[in-house]
């Protein structure tokens, strides 16, 4: 930790950043579905005239970095939109690691896309010893109708910025798979250009494209976006446990454990489990690279409305 680094948690927690305007169209939904490995046989995600056409429920995550236009953008500028967090001194942005991600569907996303207000709130700043953990909530509201569509919880770990005697944070919930074979397994054979395709949805971090940059941060070549594997997991869960009915998808969360290199095969292992809500089924999941037997997403948990739920029929 840099000498003198200290966080004023009272100023940081609860801070609400200025609203950011983001936008998307059906074209963005199609591109996202292709980039997370949806096969050509599932046209409801890939063809705008399909009778069941809908965006994959995890698409809103792309809007965190995409902005409201369709040109490429500066990853660092988008990352810092809204300015610094009060109470947190400047730190090296290259030390940030995406630790965990949660998405909750408040209301199904508009089929036509649209313009939205993205409102970010700092939920917590924790001292983990080896680094600093920053929890943020991002809520998406329709720009005109003000409908609350999605809430996303992002946990970012900043390496080397711990030890300032701050709060350690609450104990994380553990989602351990049952001691039985998975109820379903799906496979995503990523292509060598998978990261180059996925970045077109709005995450233009050079780490996923620049062959000269990757070795400087410890990777032999550019890595696949963790949120690409995350999106594939969501699709697999909805396919196997929700009959690919978009309105039945309620939430998903997972921890990013290791990177995937484009060209590797991602296996998604899923177990259906009881939930605390009688209207939904729980699904515990993990993702691993088949070739290296390395887990890339852990502590995964999703919820799907049961087929006979009244909410699923609305």
C-alpha atoms as a PDB file:
ATOM      1  CA  UNK A   1       0.000   0.000   0.000  1.00  0.00           C
ATOM      2  CA  UNK A   2       1.320   3.486  -0.846  1.00  0.00           C
ATOM      3  CA  UNK A   3       2.521   5.388   2.193  1.00  0.00           C
ATOM      4  CA  UNK A   4      -0.213   7.478   3.758  1.00  0.00           C
ATOM      5  CA  UNK A   5      -3.052   5.839   1.846  1.00  0.00           C
ATOM      6  CA  UNK A   6      -6.228   5.947   3.910  1.00  0.00           C
ATOM      7  CA  UNK A   7      -9.942   5.816   3.117  1.00  0.00           C
ATOM      8  CA  UNK A   8     -12.638   7.933   4.764  1.00  0.00           C
ATOM      9  CA  UNK A   9     -15.402   5.342   4.614  1.00  0.00           C
ATOM     10  CA  UNK A  10     -18.011   7.770   5.956  1.00  0.00           C
ATOM     11  CA  UNK A  11     -17.587   9.978   2.880  1.00  0.00           C
ATOM     12  CA  UNK A  12     -17.460   7.123   0.372  1.00  0.00           C
ATOM     13  CA  UNK A  13     -20.339   4.881   1.435  1.00  0.00           C
ATOM     14  CA  UNK A  14     -23.677   6.106   0.206  1.00  0.00           C
ATOM     15  CA  UNK A  15     -22.215   8.469  -2.372  1.00  0.00           C
ATOM     16  CA  UNK A  16     -24.446   8.630  -5.436  1.00  0.00           C
ATOM     17  CA  UNK A  17     -22.720   9.563  -8.695  1.00  0.00           C
ATOM     18  CA  UNK A  18     -24.291  11.798 -11.342  1.00  0.00           C
ATOM     19  CA  UNK A  19     -26.629   9.913 -13.674  1.00  0.00           C
ATOM     20  CA  UNK A  20     -25.017   8.645 -16.870  1.00  0.00           C
ATOM     21  CA  UNK A  21     -27.044   8.252 -20.069  1.00  0.00           C
ATOM     22  CA  UNK A  22     -26.672   4.948 -21.912  1.00  0.00           C
ATOM     23  CA  UNK A  23     -28.486   3.551 -24.949  1.00  0.00           C
ATOM     24  CA  UNK A  24     -28.976   0.385 -27.000  1.00  0.00           C
ATOM     25  CA  UNK A  25     -30.990  -1.058 -29.869  1.00  0.00           C
ATOM     26  CA  UNK A  26     -32.068  -4.502 -31.031  1.00  0.00           C
ATOM     27  CA  UNK A  27     -28.844  -4.681 -33.031  1.00  0.00           C
ATOM     28  CA  UNK A  28     -26.901  -4.573 -29.763  1.00  0.00           C
ATOM     29  CA  UNK A  29     -28.957  -7.466 -28.388  1.00  0.00           C
ATOM     30  CA  UNK A  30     -28.151  -9.578 -31.449  1.00  0.00           C
ATOM     31  CA  UNK A  31     -24.431  -8.831 -31.310  1.00  0.00           C
ATOM     32  CA  UNK A  32     -24.267  -9.598 -27.581  1.00  0.00           C
ATOM     33  CA  UNK A  33     -26.012 -12.952 -28.005  1.00  0.00           C
ATOM     34  CA  UNK A  34     -23.577 -13.952 -30.751  1.00  0.00           C
ATOM     35  CA  UNK A  35     -20.593 -12.865 -28.672  1.00  0.00           C
ATOM     36  CA  UNK A  36     -21.533 -15.050 -25.664  1.00  0.00           C
ATOM     37  CA  UNK A  37     -21.880 -18.167 -27.789  1.00  0.00           C
ATOM     38  CA  UNK A  38     -25.615 -18.500 -28.447  1.00  0.00           C
ATOM     39  CA  UNK A  39     -25.914 -21.100 -31.252  1.00  0.00           C
ATOM     40  CA  UNK A  40     -27.579 -20.337 -34.562  1.00  0.00           C
ATOM     41  CA  UNK A  41     -30.424 -22.723 -33.678  1.00  0.00           C
ATOM     42  CA  UNK A  42     -31.743 -20.349 -30.980  1.00  0.00           C
ATOM     43  CA  UNK A  43     -33.086 -17.590 -33.194  1.00  0.00           C
ATOM     44  CA  UNK A  44     -35.168 -16.001 -30.443  1.00  0.00           C
ATOM     45  CA  UNK A  45     -31.938 -14.326 -29.270  1.00  0.00           C
ATOM     46  CA  UNK A  46     -30.443 -13.830 -32.750  1.00  0.00           C
ATOM     47  CA  UNK A  47     -33.251 -12.795 -35.105  1.00  0.00           C
ATOM     48  CA  UNK A  48     -35.305  -9.694 -34.437  1.00  0.00           C
ATOM     49  CA  UNK A  49     -38.357 -11.018 -36.333  1.00  0.00           C
ATOM     50  CA  UNK A  50     -38.562 -14.268 -34.382  1.00  0.00           C
ATOM     51  CA  UNK A  51     -41.924 -14.496 -32.618  1.00  0.00           C
ATOM     52  CA  UNK A  52     -40.147 -15.001 -29.266  1.00  0.00           C
ATOM     53  CA  UNK A  53     -37.392 -12.425 -29.816  1.00  0.00           C
ATOM     54  CA  UNK A  54     -35.972 -10.910 -26.633  1.00  0.00           C
ATOM     55  CA  UNK A  55     -32.616  -9.657 -25.315  1.00  0.00           C
ATOM     56  CA  UNK A  56     -30.642 -12.025 -23.148  1.00  0.00           C
ATOM     57  CA  UNK A  57     -31.379 -10.941 -19.558  1.00  0.00           C
ATOM     58  CA  UNK A  58     -27.725 -10.177 -18.837  1.00  0.00           C
ATOM     59  CA  UNK A  59     -27.386  -7.696 -21.720  1.00  0.00           C
ATOM     60  CA  UNK A  60     -27.738  -4.596 -19.436  1.00  0.00           C
ATOM     61  CA  UNK A  61     -24.262  -5.311 -18.030  1.00  0.00           C
ATOM     62  CA  UNK A  62     -22.856  -4.107 -21.356  1.00  0.00           C
ATOM     63  CA  UNK A  63     -24.330  -0.653 -20.772  1.00  0.00           C
ATOM     64  CA  UNK A  64     -21.995  -0.017 -17.826  1.00  0.00           C
ATOM     65  CA  UNK A  65     -19.242   0.842 -20.301  1.00  0.00           C
ATOM     66  CA  UNK A  66     -20.987   1.330 -23.640  1.00  0.00           C
ATOM     67  CA  UNK A  67     -22.346   4.919 -23.202  1.00  0.00           C
ATOM     68  CA  UNK A  68     -25.085   6.348 -25.453  1.00  0.00           C
ATOM     69  CA  UNK A  69     -23.386   6.128 -28.837  1.00  0.00           C
ATOM     70  CA  UNK A  70     -22.097   3.364 -31.075  1.00  0.00           C
ATOM     71  CA  UNK A  71     -18.477   4.333 -31.656  1.00  0.00           C
ATOM     72  CA  UNK A  72     -15.541   2.788 -29.819  1.00  0.00           C
ATOM     73  CA  UNK A  73     -14.629   4.642 -26.640  1.00  0.00           C
ATOM     74  CA  UNK A  74     -11.805   5.045 -24.152  1.00  0.00           C
ATOM     75  CA  UNK A  75     -12.068   2.325 -21.529  1.00  0.00           C
ATOM     76  CA  UNK A  76     -10.344   4.452 -18.894  1.00  0.00           C
ATOM     77  CA  UNK A  77     -12.610   7.434 -19.552  1.00  0.00           C
ATOM     78  CA  UNK A  78     -15.743   5.313 -19.312  1.00  0.00           C
ATOM     79  CA  UNK A  79     -14.430   3.600 -16.191  1.00  0.00           C
ATOM     80  CA  UNK A  80     -14.037   6.961 -14.449  1.00  0.00           C
ATOM     81  CA  UNK A  81     -17.366   8.428 -15.563  1.00  0.00           C
ATOM     82  CA  UNK A  82     -18.956  10.446 -12.784  1.00  0.00           C
ATOM     83  CA  UNK A  83     -15.645  11.372 -11.185  1.00  0.00           C
ATOM     84  CA  UNK A  84     -13.777   9.980  -8.155  1.00  0.00           C
ATOM     85  CA  UNK A  85     -15.436   8.543  -5.055  1.00  0.00           C
ATOM     86  CA  UNK A  86     -15.266  10.981  -2.115  1.00  0.00           C
ATOM     87  CA  UNK A  87     -13.084   9.658   0.671  1.00  0.00           C
ATOM     88  CA  UNK A  88     -11.002   7.359  -1.552  1.00  0.00           C
ATOM     89  CA  UNK A  89      -7.592   8.819  -2.512  1.00  0.00           C
ATOM     90  CA  UNK A  90      -6.341   8.347  -6.090  1.00  0.00           C
ATOM     91  CA  UNK A  91      -5.086   4.838  -6.859  1.00  0.00           C
ATOM     92  CA  UNK A  92      -3.551   2.969  -9.793  1.00  0.00           C
ATOM     93  CA  UNK A  93      -6.433   1.887 -12.029  1.00  0.00           C
ATOM     94  CA  UNK A  94      -4.241  -0.869 -13.460  1.00  0.00           C
ATOM     95  CA  UNK A  95      -4.483  -2.605 -10.082  1.00  0.00           C
ATOM     96  CA  UNK A  96      -8.261  -3.144 -10.389  1.00  0.00           C
ATOM     97  CA  UNK A  97      -9.571  -6.697 -10.692  1.00  0.00           C
ATOM     98  CA  UNK A  98     -13.256  -7.476 -11.283  1.00  0.00           C
ATOM     99  CA  UNK A  99     -14.009  -9.637  -8.260  1.00  0.00           C
ATOM    100  CA  UNK A 100     -17.722 -10.445  -8.365  1.00  0.00           C
ATOM    101  CA  UNK A 101     -20.815  -9.469 -10.303  1.00  0.00           C
ATOM    102  CA  UNK A 102     -24.527  -9.715  -9.546  1.00  0.00           C
ATOM    103  CA  UNK A 103     -27.472  -8.782 -11.758  1.00  0.00           C
ATOM    104  CA  UNK A 104     -31.084  -8.593 -10.626  1.00  0.00           C
ATOM    105  CA  UNK A 105     -33.965  -8.198 -13.075  1.00  0.00           C
ATOM    106  CA  UNK A 106     -36.479  -5.723 -11.667  1.00  0.00           C
ATOM    107  CA  UNK A 107     -38.550  -5.578 -14.858  1.00  0.00           C
ATOM    108  CA  UNK A 108     -37.888  -7.315 -18.209  1.00  0.00           C
ATOM    109  CA  UNK A 109     -35.826  -5.132 -20.533  1.00  0.00           C
ATOM    110  CA  UNK A 110     -37.631  -3.348 -23.410  1.00  0.00           C
ATOM    111  CA  UNK A 111     -37.587  -5.416 -26.606  1.00  0.00           C
ATOM    112  CA  UNK A 112     -36.705  -2.371 -28.705  1.00  0.00           C
ATOM    113  CA  UNK A 113     -33.905  -1.139 -26.443  1.00  0.00           C
ATOM    114  CA  UNK A 114     -33.911   2.592 -25.740  1.00  0.00           C
ATOM    115  CA  UNK A 115     -32.200   5.237 -23.641  1.00  0.00           C
ATOM    116  CA  UNK A 116     -31.590   4.734 -19.946  1.00  0.00           C
ATOM    117  CA  UNK A 117     -30.266   6.492 -16.876  1.00  0.00           C
ATOM    118  CA  UNK A 118     -27.445   4.618 -15.154  1.00  0.00           C
ATOM    119  CA  UNK A 119     -27.143   5.626 -11.493  1.00  0.00           C
ATOM    120  CA  UNK A 120     -24.175   4.358  -9.493  1.00  0.00           C
ATOM    121  CA  UNK A 121     -24.023   4.268  -5.688  1.00  0.00           C
ATOM    122  CA  UNK A 122     -21.076   3.270  -3.482  1.00  0.00           C
ATOM    123  CA  UNK A 123     -22.297   0.541  -1.119  1.00  0.00           C
ATOM    124  CA  UNK A 124     -19.089  -0.217   0.760  1.00  0.00           C
ATOM    125  CA  UNK A 125     -15.311   0.080   0.907  1.00  0.00           C
ATOM    126  CA  UNK A 126     -13.440  -2.682   2.718  1.00  0.00           C
ATOM    127  CA  UNK A 127      -9.882  -3.339   3.806  1.00  0.00           C
ATOM    128  CA  UNK A 128      -8.980  -6.906   2.836  1.00  0.00           C
ATOM    129  CA  UNK A 129      -5.331  -6.695   3.874  1.00  0.00           C
ATOM    130  CA  UNK A 130      -3.873  -7.450   0.452  1.00  0.00           C
ATOM    131  CA  UNK A 131      -6.117  -4.909  -1.200  1.00  0.00           C
ATOM    132  CA  UNK A 132      -9.208  -2.724  -1.115  1.00  0.00           C
ATOM    133  CA  UNK A 133     -12.674  -3.983  -2.047  1.00  0.00           C
ATOM    134  CA  UNK A 134     -15.203  -1.500  -3.469  1.00  0.00           C
ATOM    135  CA  UNK A 135     -18.867  -2.489  -3.685  1.00  0.00           C
ATOM    136  CA  UNK A 136     -21.091  -0.483  -6.027  1.00  0.00           C
ATOM    137  CA  UNK A 137     -24.719  -0.697  -7.149  1.00  0.00           C
ATOM    138  CA  UNK A 138     -25.725   0.457 -10.628  1.00  0.00           C
ATOM    139  CA  UNK A 139     -29.435   0.946 -11.258  1.00  0.00           C
ATOM    140  CA  UNK A 140     -30.875   1.325 -14.765  1.00  0.00           C
ATOM    141  CA  UNK A 141     -34.015   3.424 -15.259  1.00  0.00           C
ATOM    142  CA  UNK A 142     -35.812   4.286 -18.478  1.00  0.00           C
ATOM    143  CA  UNK A 143     -34.910   7.831 -19.517  1.00  0.00           C
ATOM    144  CA  UNK A 144     -38.512   8.739 -20.352  1.00  0.00           C
ATOM    145  CA  UNK A 145     -40.676   6.324 -18.327  1.00  0.00           C
ATOM    146  CA  UNK A 146     -38.360   6.219 -15.270  1.00  0.00           C
ATOM    147  CA  UNK A 147     -39.093   2.488 -14.898  1.00  0.00           C
ATOM    148  CA  UNK A 148     -36.499   0.646 -12.803  1.00  0.00           C
ATOM    149  CA  UNK A 149     -35.338  -2.220 -15.035  1.00  0.00           C
ATOM    150  CA  UNK A 150     -32.153  -3.647 -13.564  1.00  0.00           C
ATOM    151  CA  UNK A 151     -29.897  -3.490 -10.517  1.00  0.00           C
ATOM    152  CA  UNK A 152     -26.275  -4.613 -10.832  1.00  0.00           C
ATOM    153  CA  UNK A 153     -23.881  -5.080  -7.911  1.00  0.00           C
ATOM    154  CA  UNK A 154     -20.202  -4.876  -8.833  1.00  0.00           C
ATOM    155  CA  UNK A 155     -17.329  -5.801  -6.501  1.00  0.00           C
ATOM    156  CA  UNK A 156     -13.945  -4.470  -7.564  1.00  0.00           C
ATOM    157  CA  UNK A 157     -10.711  -5.507  -5.844  1.00  0.00           C
ATOM    158  CA  UNK A 158      -7.788  -3.074  -5.932  1.00  0.00           C
ATOM    159  CA  UNK A 159      -4.561  -5.018  -5.447  1.00  0.00           C
ATOM    160  CA  UNK A 160      -1.984  -3.607  -3.035  1.00  0.00           C
ATOM    161  CA  UNK A 161      -4.248  -1.012  -1.408  1.00  0.00           C
ATOM    162  CA  UNK A 162      -5.109  -2.781   1.845  1.00  0.00           C
ATOM    163  CA  UNK A 163      -3.798  -2.331   5.370  1.00  0.00           C
ATOM    164  CA  UNK A 164      -5.401   1.053   6.164  1.00  0.00           C
ATOM    165  CA  UNK A 165      -7.287  -0.366   9.180  1.00  0.00           C
ATOM    166  CA  UNK A 166     -10.670  -0.153   7.535  1.00  0.00           C
ATOM    167  CA  UNK A 167     -13.712  -2.428   7.941  1.00  0.00           C
ATOM    168  CA  UNK A 168     -13.270  -5.996   6.711  1.00  0.00           C
ATOM    169  CA  UNK A 169     -16.790  -6.238   5.338  1.00  0.00           C
ATOM    170  CA  UNK A 170     -19.539  -8.843   5.804  1.00  0.00           C
ATOM    171  CA  UNK A 171     -18.847 -12.524   5.356  1.00  0.00           C
ATOM    172  CA  UNK A 172     -19.671 -13.632   1.838  1.00  0.00           C
ATOM    173  CA  UNK A 173     -22.419 -16.168   1.194  1.00  0.00           C
ATOM    174  CA  UNK A 174     -21.048 -19.491  -0.048  1.00  0.00           C
ATOM    175  CA  UNK A 175     -22.863 -21.433  -2.748  1.00  0.00           C
ATOM    176  CA  UNK A 176     -21.329 -24.890  -2.589  1.00  0.00           C
ATOM    177  CA  UNK A 177     -22.442 -27.396  -5.230  1.00  0.00           C
ATOM    178  CA  UNK A 178     -24.334 -30.454  -3.957  1.00  0.00           C
ATOM    179  CA  UNK A 179     -22.336 -33.655  -3.628  1.00  0.00           C
ATOM    180  CA  UNK A 180     -23.772 -35.180  -6.805  1.00  0.00           C
ATOM    181  CA  UNK A 181     -23.210 -34.984 -10.520  1.00  0.00           C
ATOM    182  CA  UNK A 182     -24.426 -31.740 -12.136  1.00  0.00           C
ATOM    183  CA  UNK A 183     -28.032 -31.686 -13.312  1.00  0.00           C
ATOM    184  CA  UNK A 184     -26.870 -30.082 -16.556  1.00  0.00           C
ATOM    185  CA  UNK A 185     -23.587 -29.341 -18.313  1.00  0.00           C
ATOM    186  CA  UNK A 186     -23.162 -26.936 -21.221  1.00  0.00           C
ATOM    187  CA  UNK A 187     -20.071 -26.207 -23.301  1.00  0.00           C
ATOM    188  CA  UNK A 188     -18.909 -23.007 -24.963  1.00  0.00           C
ATOM    189  CA  UNK A 189     -16.141 -23.578 -27.518  1.00  0.00           C
ATOM    190  CA  UNK A 190     -14.759 -20.053 -27.647  1.00  0.00           C
ATOM    191  CA  UNK A 191     -13.134 -18.928 -30.865  1.00  0.00           C
ATOM    192  CA  UNK A 192      -9.678 -17.321 -31.166  1.00  0.00           C
ATOM    193  CA  UNK A 193     -11.434 -14.028 -31.981  1.00  0.00           C
ATOM    194  CA  UNK A 194     -14.035 -14.313 -29.179  1.00  0.00           C
ATOM    195  CA  UNK A 195     -12.713 -11.362 -27.159  1.00  0.00           C
ATOM    196  CA  UNK A 196     -12.509  -9.212 -30.307  1.00  0.00           C
ATOM    197  CA  UNK A 197     -16.181  -9.988 -30.939  1.00  0.00           C
ATOM    198  CA  UNK A 198     -17.366  -9.486 -27.363  1.00  0.00           C
ATOM    199  CA  UNK A 199     -15.665  -6.098 -27.002  1.00  0.00           C
ATOM    200  CA  UNK A 200     -17.951  -4.692 -29.706  1.00  0.00           C
ATOM    201  CA  UNK A 201     -20.723  -4.692 -27.092  1.00  0.00           C
ATOM    202  CA  UNK A 202     -18.962  -1.857 -25.294  1.00  0.00           C
ATOM    203  CA  UNK A 203     -16.055  -3.124 -23.154  1.00  0.00           C
ATOM    204  CA  UNK A 204     -13.027  -1.797 -25.029  1.00  0.00           C
ATOM    205  CA  UNK A 205     -10.435  -2.593 -22.360  1.00  0.00           C
ATOM    206  CA  UNK A 206      -7.167  -3.058 -24.339  1.00  0.00           C
ATOM    207  CA  UNK A 207      -6.316  -6.074 -22.175  1.00  0.00           C
ATOM    208  CA  UNK A 208      -8.695  -8.093 -24.337  1.00  0.00           C
ATOM    209  CA  UNK A 209      -7.172  -7.088 -27.687  1.00  0.00           C
ATOM    210  CA  UNK A 210      -3.614  -5.743 -27.392  1.00  0.00           C
ATOM    211  CA  UNK A 211      -1.029  -8.524 -27.800  1.00  0.00           C
ATOM    212  CA  UNK A 212       1.723  -6.185 -26.570  1.00  0.00           C
ATOM    213  CA  UNK A 213      -0.120  -5.040 -23.453  1.00  0.00           C
ATOM    214  CA  UNK A 214      -1.138  -8.474 -22.137  1.00  0.00           C
ATOM    215  CA  UNK A 215       2.431  -9.617 -21.204  1.00  0.00           C
ATOM    216  CA  UNK A 216       3.015  -6.414 -19.222  1.00  0.00           C
ATOM    217  CA  UNK A 217       0.231  -7.408 -16.803  1.00  0.00           C
ATOM    218  CA  UNK A 218       1.184 -11.070 -16.537  1.00  0.00           C
ATOM    219  CA  UNK A 219      -0.705 -12.772 -19.386  1.00  0.00           C
ATOM    220  CA  UNK A 220       0.915 -14.420 -22.434  1.00  0.00           C
ATOM    221  CA  UNK A 221      -1.823 -13.045 -24.683  1.00  0.00           C
ATOM    222  CA  UNK A 222      -5.111 -11.121 -24.437  1.00  0.00           C
ATOM    223  CA  UNK A 223      -7.736 -12.749 -22.225  1.00  0.00           C
ATOM    224  CA  UNK A 224     -11.465 -13.187 -22.736  1.00  0.00           C
ATOM    225  CA  UNK A 225     -13.756 -10.835 -20.834  1.00  0.00           C
ATOM    226  CA  UNK A 226     -14.992 -12.490 -17.653  1.00  0.00           C
ATOM    227  CA  UNK A 227     -18.426 -11.083 -18.412  1.00  0.00           C
ATOM    228  CA  UNK A 228     -18.476 -13.032 -21.675  1.00  0.00           C
ATOM    229  CA  UNK A 229     -18.254 -16.328 -19.769  1.00  0.00           C
ATOM    230  CA  UNK A 230     -20.742 -14.877 -17.253  1.00  0.00           C
ATOM    231  CA  UNK A 231     -23.240 -14.160 -20.032  1.00  0.00           C
ATOM    232  CA  UNK A 232     -22.833 -17.674 -21.408  1.00  0.00           C
ATOM    233  CA  UNK A 233     -23.544 -19.118 -17.953  1.00  0.00           C
ATOM    234  CA  UNK A 234     -26.751 -17.092 -17.743  1.00  0.00           C
ATOM    235  CA  UNK A 235     -27.827 -18.326 -21.184  1.00  0.00           C
ATOM    236  CA  UNK A 236     -27.068 -21.946 -20.256  1.00  0.00           C
ATOM    237  CA  UNK A 237     -29.041 -21.691 -17.005  1.00  0.00           C
ATOM    238  CA  UNK A 238     -32.055 -20.161 -18.719  1.00  0.00           C
ATOM    239  CA  UNK A 239     -31.930 -22.784 -21.483  1.00  0.00           C
ATOM    240  CA  UNK A 240     -31.737 -25.779 -19.159  1.00  0.00           C
ATOM    241  CA  UNK A 241     -33.959 -24.616 -16.297  1.00  0.00           C
ATOM    242  CA  UNK A 242     -36.179 -21.872 -17.735  1.00  0.00           C
ATOM    243  CA  UNK A 243     -37.096 -23.226 -21.186  1.00  0.00           C
ATOM    244  CA  UNK A 244     -35.330 -20.193 -22.707  1.00  0.00           C
ATOM    245  CA  UNK A 245     -38.177 -17.957 -21.508  1.00  0.00           C
ATOM    246  CA  UNK A 246     -36.560 -14.566 -20.921  1.00  0.00           C
ATOM    247  CA  UNK A 247     -39.184 -13.332 -18.460  1.00  0.00           C
ATOM    248  CA  UNK A 248     -38.430 -16.185 -16.056  1.00  0.00           C
ATOM    249  CA  UNK A 249     -34.849 -15.056 -15.428  1.00  0.00           C
ATOM    250  CA  UNK A 250     -34.603 -13.202 -12.090  1.00  0.00           C
ATOM    251  CA  UNK A 251     -30.974 -12.959 -10.942  1.00  0.00           C
ATOM    252  CA  UNK A 252     -27.420 -14.195 -11.279  1.00  0.00           C
ATOM    253  CA  UNK A 253     -24.209 -13.720  -9.298  1.00  0.00           C
ATOM    254  CA  UNK A 254     -20.716 -15.198  -9.455  1.00  0.00           C
ATOM    255  CA  UNK A 255     -17.072 -14.686  -8.538  1.00  0.00           C
ATOM    256  CA  UNK A 256     -14.371 -14.327 -11.199  1.00  0.00           C
ATOM    257  CA  UNK A 257     -11.631 -16.825 -10.350  1.00  0.00           C
ATOM    258  CA  UNK A 258      -9.309 -17.150 -13.381  1.00  0.00           C
ATOM    259  CA  UNK A 259      -9.153 -15.889 -16.968  1.00  0.00           C
ATOM    260  CA  UNK A 260     -10.130 -17.729 -20.121  1.00  0.00           C
ATOM    261  CA  UNK A 261      -7.931 -17.487 -23.210  1.00  0.00           C
ATOM    262  CA  UNK A 262      -9.846 -17.183 -26.492  1.00  0.00           C
ATOM    263  CA  UNK A 263      -9.946 -20.569 -28.201  1.00  0.00           C
ATOM    264  CA  UNK A 264     -10.452 -22.543 -24.986  1.00  0.00           C
ATOM    265  CA  UNK A 265     -13.600 -24.484 -24.101  1.00  0.00           C
ATOM    266  CA  UNK A 266     -15.690 -23.239 -21.181  1.00  0.00           C
ATOM    267  CA  UNK A 267     -17.772 -25.881 -19.414  1.00  0.00           C
ATOM    268  CA  UNK A 268     -20.755 -24.707 -17.367  1.00  0.00           C
ATOM    269  CA  UNK A 269     -21.796 -27.084 -14.565  1.00  0.00           C
ATOM    270  CA  UNK A 270     -25.256 -26.510 -13.046  1.00  0.00           C
ATOM    271  CA  UNK A 271     -27.185 -27.902 -10.069  1.00  0.00           C
ATOM    272  CA  UNK A 272     -30.859 -27.129  -9.390  1.00  0.00           C
ATOM    273  CA  UNK A 273     -31.404 -26.432  -5.680  1.00  0.00           C
ATOM    274  CA  UNK A 274     -34.265 -25.227  -3.450  1.00  0.00           C
ATOM    275  CA  UNK A 275     -34.554 -21.495  -2.820  1.00  0.00           C
ATOM    276  CA  UNK A 276     -36.009 -19.404  -0.019  1.00  0.00           C
ATOM    277  CA  UNK A 277     -38.704 -18.133  -2.382  1.00  0.00           C
ATOM    278  CA  UNK A 278     -41.452 -20.589  -3.270  1.00  0.00           C
ATOM    279  CA  UNK A 279     -41.884 -18.910  -6.667  1.00  0.00           C
ATOM    280  CA  UNK A 280     -38.340 -19.507  -7.901  1.00  0.00           C
ATOM    281  CA  UNK A 281     -35.827 -22.298  -8.385  1.00  0.00           C
ATOM    282  CA  UNK A 282     -32.212 -21.792  -7.389  1.00  0.00           C
ATOM    283  CA  UNK A 283     -29.325 -22.886  -9.600  1.00  0.00           C
ATOM    284  CA  UNK A 284     -25.786 -23.212  -8.283  1.00  0.00           C
ATOM    285  CA  UNK A 285     -23.200 -23.138 -11.052  1.00  0.00           C
ATOM    286  CA  UNK A 286     -19.499 -23.134 -11.840  1.00  0.00           C
ATOM    287  CA  UNK A 287     -17.557 -22.594 -15.045  1.00  0.00           C
ATOM    288  CA  UNK A 288     -14.204 -24.136 -15.871  1.00  0.00           C
ATOM    289  CA  UNK A 289     -11.768 -24.349 -18.770  1.00  0.00           C
ATOM    290  CA  UNK A 290     -11.939 -27.900 -20.052  1.00  0.00           C
ATOM    291  CA  UNK A 291      -8.405 -28.005 -21.478  1.00  0.00           C
ATOM    292  CA  UNK A 292      -6.706 -26.851 -18.253  1.00  0.00           C
ATOM    293  CA  UNK A 293      -9.317 -27.992 -15.698  1.00  0.00           C
ATOM    294  CA  UNK A 294      -9.209 -24.516 -14.143  1.00  0.00           C
ATOM    295  CA  UNK A 295     -12.238 -22.886 -12.578  1.00  0.00           C
ATOM    296  CA  UNK A 296     -13.004 -19.488 -14.069  1.00  0.00           C
ATOM    297  CA  UNK A 297     -16.318 -18.660 -12.364  1.00  0.00           C
ATOM    298  CA  UNK A 298     -17.076 -19.856  -8.842  1.00  0.00           C
ATOM    299  CA  UNK A 299     -19.702 -19.319  -6.136  1.00  0.00           C
ATOM    300  CA  UNK A 300     -22.299 -18.928  -8.868  1.00  0.00           C
ATOM    301  CA  UNK A 301     -25.990 -18.714  -8.073  1.00  0.00           C
ATOM    302  CA  UNK A 302     -28.993 -17.833 -10.223  1.00  0.00           C
ATOM    303  CA  UNK A 303     -32.754 -17.761  -9.729  1.00  0.00           C
ATOM    304  CA  UNK A 304     -35.406 -18.711 -12.285  1.00  0.00           C
ATOM    305  CA  UNK A 305     -39.161 -18.289 -11.900  1.00  0.00           C
ATOM    306  CA  UNK A 306     -40.944 -21.629 -11.753  1.00  0.00           C
ATOM    307  CA  UNK A 307     -43.000 -22.447 -14.815  1.00  0.00           C
ATOM    308  CA  UNK A 308     -46.267 -22.406 -12.884  1.00  0.00           C
ATOM    309  CA  UNK A 309     -45.495 -19.118 -11.114  1.00  0.00           C
ATOM    310  CA  UNK A 310     -48.053 -16.348 -11.706  1.00  0.00           C
ATOM    311  CA  UNK A 311     -45.166 -13.902 -12.162  1.00  0.00           C
ATOM    312  CA  UNK A 312     -43.850 -15.976 -15.071  1.00  0.00           C
ATOM    313  CA  UNK A 313     -47.163 -15.605 -16.888  1.00  0.00           C
ATOM    314  CA  UNK A 314     -47.401 -11.827 -16.666  1.00  0.00           C
END
